[in-house]
């Protein structure tokens, strides 16, 4: 079994729980609770990832794409959706249909929606960059209304992105 662990930390947007394996981050979720099984010591790369995530959510943009993510256990389609999302630029917004097309399954927007909803590694597989026809508002996998919009707003000023939808 690969070494693994759990670390919970507080950010400007709330408490995050990070689960990792030797291969990378396996889970990153907002949480209200501390984990009684939290790891006492985390490897240096995990501590570096935590620092970058905290700075990013505090408004100092960080290159989060370099943080390794362990995608083991995902179906091939969900793995492809994760790869598409990891290739997006900060501030870039895609529709569910756009992601389906880029993942090689045109017309699979609903399946993309399910993959986004089940995303175990928020921010690192940036599902907040996928929006529906009505925009980024409302409840999301982030646990409360408006967090998705706040994450997009954090990215927008640093990328030159505007509110225009992506070119099709």
Protein backbone atom coordinates (compact mmCIF):
# COMPACT_ATOMS: atom_id res chain seq x y z
CA UNK A 1 0.00 0.00 0.00
CA UNK A 2 1.34 3.44 -0.95
CA UNK A 3 2.01 5.89 1.89
CA UNK A 4 -0.91 8.23 2.37
CA UNK A 5 -2.32 10.77 4.76
CA UNK A 6 -4.80 13.49 5.56
CA UNK A 7 -4.31 17.12 6.49
CA UNK A 8 -6.99 19.72 7.31
CA UNK A 9 -6.22 23.44 7.03
CA UNK A 10 -8.06 26.74 7.06
CA UNK A 11 -8.19 29.05 4.03
CA UNK A 12 -9.81 32.39 3.28
CA UNK A 13 -12.82 30.50 1.85
CA UNK A 14 -13.11 27.84 4.54
CA UNK A 15 -11.56 24.68 5.94
CA UNK A 16 -10.13 22.22 3.40
CA UNK A 17 -9.29 18.55 3.86
CA UNK A 18 -6.45 17.26 1.70
CA UNK A 19 -5.94 13.50 1.28
CA UNK A 20 -2.82 12.29 -0.46
CA UNK A 21 -1.03 9.19 -1.65
CA UNK A 22 2.50 8.76 -2.86
CA UNK A 23 1.20 9.54 -6.38
CA UNK A 24 -0.40 12.89 -5.49
CA UNK A 25 -3.46 14.54 -4.01
CA UNK A 26 -6.31 12.03 -3.93
CA UNK A 27 -8.92 14.33 -2.40
CA UNK A 28 -9.41 18.03 -1.70
CA UNK A 29 -12.74 19.06 -0.21
CA UNK A 30 -14.26 21.81 1.87
CA UNK A 31 -15.22 20.41 5.28
CA UNK A 32 -16.72 21.54 8.55
CA UNK A 33 -15.04 18.88 10.66
CA UNK A 34 -11.53 17.98 11.72
CA UNK A 35 -10.42 14.44 10.89
CA UNK A 36 -9.50 12.41 13.99
CA UNK A 37 -7.22 10.29 11.79
CA UNK A 38 -5.23 13.24 10.49
CA UNK A 39 -1.59 12.53 9.71
CA UNK A 40 0.92 14.01 12.16
CA UNK A 41 3.63 14.66 9.58
CA UNK A 42 3.12 15.45 5.91
CA UNK A 43 5.77 15.24 3.18
CA UNK A 44 7.35 18.49 2.00
CA UNK A 45 5.42 18.45 -1.30
CA UNK A 46 2.11 18.29 0.60
CA UNK A 47 3.09 21.21 2.85
CA UNK A 48 4.12 23.17 -0.26
CA UNK A 49 0.75 22.40 -1.87
CA UNK A 50 -1.05 23.59 1.26
CA UNK A 51 0.91 26.87 1.25
CA UNK A 52 0.10 27.44 -2.42
CA UNK A 53 -3.60 26.67 -1.94
CA UNK A 54 -3.83 29.01 1.05
CA UNK A 55 -2.10 31.84 -0.84
CA UNK A 56 -4.27 31.25 -3.92
CA UNK A 57 -7.51 31.39 -1.95
CA UNK A 58 -6.28 34.50 -0.13
CA UNK A 59 -6.01 36.30 -3.48
CA UNK A 60 -2.39 35.68 -4.49
CA UNK A 61 -2.58 33.56 -7.67
CA UNK A 62 -0.56 30.36 -7.62
CA UNK A 63 0.27 27.78 -10.27
CA UNK A 64 -1.84 24.94 -8.92
CA UNK A 65 -1.47 22.80 -12.04
CA UNK A 66 1.96 21.64 -10.88
CA UNK A 67 0.56 20.00 -7.75
CA UNK A 68 0.37 16.26 -8.48
CA UNK A 69 -3.09 14.69 -8.49
CA UNK A 70 -3.74 10.96 -8.04
CA UNK A 71 -6.52 10.11 -10.51
CA UNK A 72 -6.46 6.36 -9.77
CA UNK A 73 -9.92 4.94 -9.39
CA UNK A 74 -11.61 7.29 -11.85
CA UNK A 75 -13.35 5.83 -14.89
CA UNK A 76 -11.58 6.51 -18.19
CA UNK A 77 -14.15 9.19 -19.08
CA UNK A 78 -13.87 10.93 -15.70
CA UNK A 79 -10.09 10.79 -15.97
CA UNK A 80 -10.34 12.47 -19.41
CA UNK A 81 -12.66 15.17 -18.00
CA UNK A 82 -10.12 15.77 -15.21
CA UNK A 83 -7.32 16.08 -17.78
CA UNK A 84 -9.35 18.57 -19.83
CA UNK A 85 -10.05 20.66 -16.74
CA UNK A 86 -6.42 20.60 -15.60
CA UNK A 87 -5.46 21.94 -19.04
CA UNK A 88 -7.71 25.01 -18.70
CA UNK A 89 -6.19 28.40 -17.96
CA UNK A 90 -7.01 30.32 -14.79
CA UNK A 91 -10.06 32.44 -15.47
CA UNK A 92 -11.11 30.35 -18.48
CA UNK A 93 -14.77 29.28 -18.40
CA UNK A 94 -16.17 26.31 -20.30
CA UNK A 95 -19.69 24.95 -20.65
CA UNK A 96 -20.48 21.32 -19.87
CA UNK A 97 -20.86 20.78 -23.62
CA UNK A 98 -17.44 22.32 -24.27
CA UNK A 99 -15.83 19.89 -21.83
CA UNK A 100 -17.69 16.94 -23.36
CA UNK A 101 -16.41 17.92 -26.81
CA UNK A 102 -12.83 18.35 -25.55
CA UNK A 103 -13.06 15.01 -23.73
CA UNK A 104 -13.94 13.31 -27.01
CA UNK A 105 -17.63 12.67 -26.26
CA UNK A 106 -19.72 15.36 -27.95
CA UNK A 107 -23.21 15.38 -26.53
CA UNK A 108 -22.14 13.97 -23.15
CA UNK A 109 -22.74 17.20 -21.23
CA UNK A 110 -24.80 15.38 -18.58
CA UNK A 111 -21.99 12.88 -18.02
CA UNK A 112 -19.58 15.81 -17.64
CA UNK A 113 -21.97 17.26 -15.06
CA UNK A 114 -21.83 14.03 -13.09
CA UNK A 115 -18.03 13.93 -13.33
CA UNK A 116 -17.81 17.54 -12.13
CA UNK A 117 -20.22 16.87 -9.27
CA UNK A 118 -18.15 13.86 -8.17
CA UNK A 119 -14.77 15.60 -8.56
CA UNK A 120 -12.70 14.51 -5.54
CA UNK A 121 -9.99 17.15 -5.98
CA UNK A 122 -11.58 20.59 -6.02
CA UNK A 123 -9.34 23.42 -7.23
CA UNK A 124 -6.65 21.01 -8.50
CA UNK A 125 -9.08 19.63 -11.06
CA UNK A 126 -10.67 23.06 -11.50
CA UNK A 127 -14.32 22.13 -11.90
CA UNK A 128 -15.25 25.68 -10.87
CA UNK A 129 -14.34 26.66 -14.43
CA UNK A 130 -17.31 24.69 -15.80
CA UNK A 131 -20.54 26.65 -15.79
CA UNK A 132 -24.09 26.00 -16.87
CA UNK A 133 -26.21 28.10 -19.17
CA UNK A 134 -27.21 30.37 -16.27
CA UNK A 135 -23.66 31.16 -15.19
CA UNK A 136 -21.53 30.20 -12.19
CA UNK A 137 -23.99 30.98 -9.38
CA UNK A 138 -25.91 28.56 -7.22
CA UNK A 139 -24.94 25.50 -5.24
CA UNK A 140 -21.97 23.52 -6.44
CA UNK A 141 -19.60 20.81 -5.27
CA UNK A 142 -18.03 23.55 -3.17
CA UNK A 143 -20.82 23.25 -0.64
CA UNK A 144 -22.39 26.69 -0.64
CA UNK A 145 -23.86 29.19 -3.07
CA UNK A 146 -21.45 31.64 -4.57
CA UNK A 147 -18.13 29.88 -3.85
CA UNK A 148 -17.74 28.89 -7.51
CA UNK A 149 -18.29 32.51 -8.56
CA UNK A 150 -15.80 33.70 -5.93
CA UNK A 151 -13.15 31.28 -7.23
CA UNK A 152 -13.67 32.53 -10.79
CA UNK A 153 -13.46 36.12 -9.55
CA UNK A 154 -10.14 35.35 -7.82
CA UNK A 155 -8.71 34.13 -11.13
CA UNK A 156 -10.17 36.75 -13.47
CA UNK A 157 -8.14 39.88 -12.54
CA UNK A 158 -4.84 38.05 -12.90
CA UNK A 159 -5.47 36.55 -16.33
CA UNK A 160 -6.99 39.34 -18.35
CA UNK A 161 -10.10 37.18 -18.71
CA UNK A 162 -13.38 38.99 -18.98
CA UNK A 163 -16.96 37.93 -18.59
CA UNK A 164 -17.28 36.84 -22.20
CA UNK A 165 -18.02 33.15 -22.77
CA UNK A 166 -15.35 31.08 -24.51
CA UNK A 167 -15.26 31.06 -28.28
CA UNK A 168 -16.94 28.04 -29.81
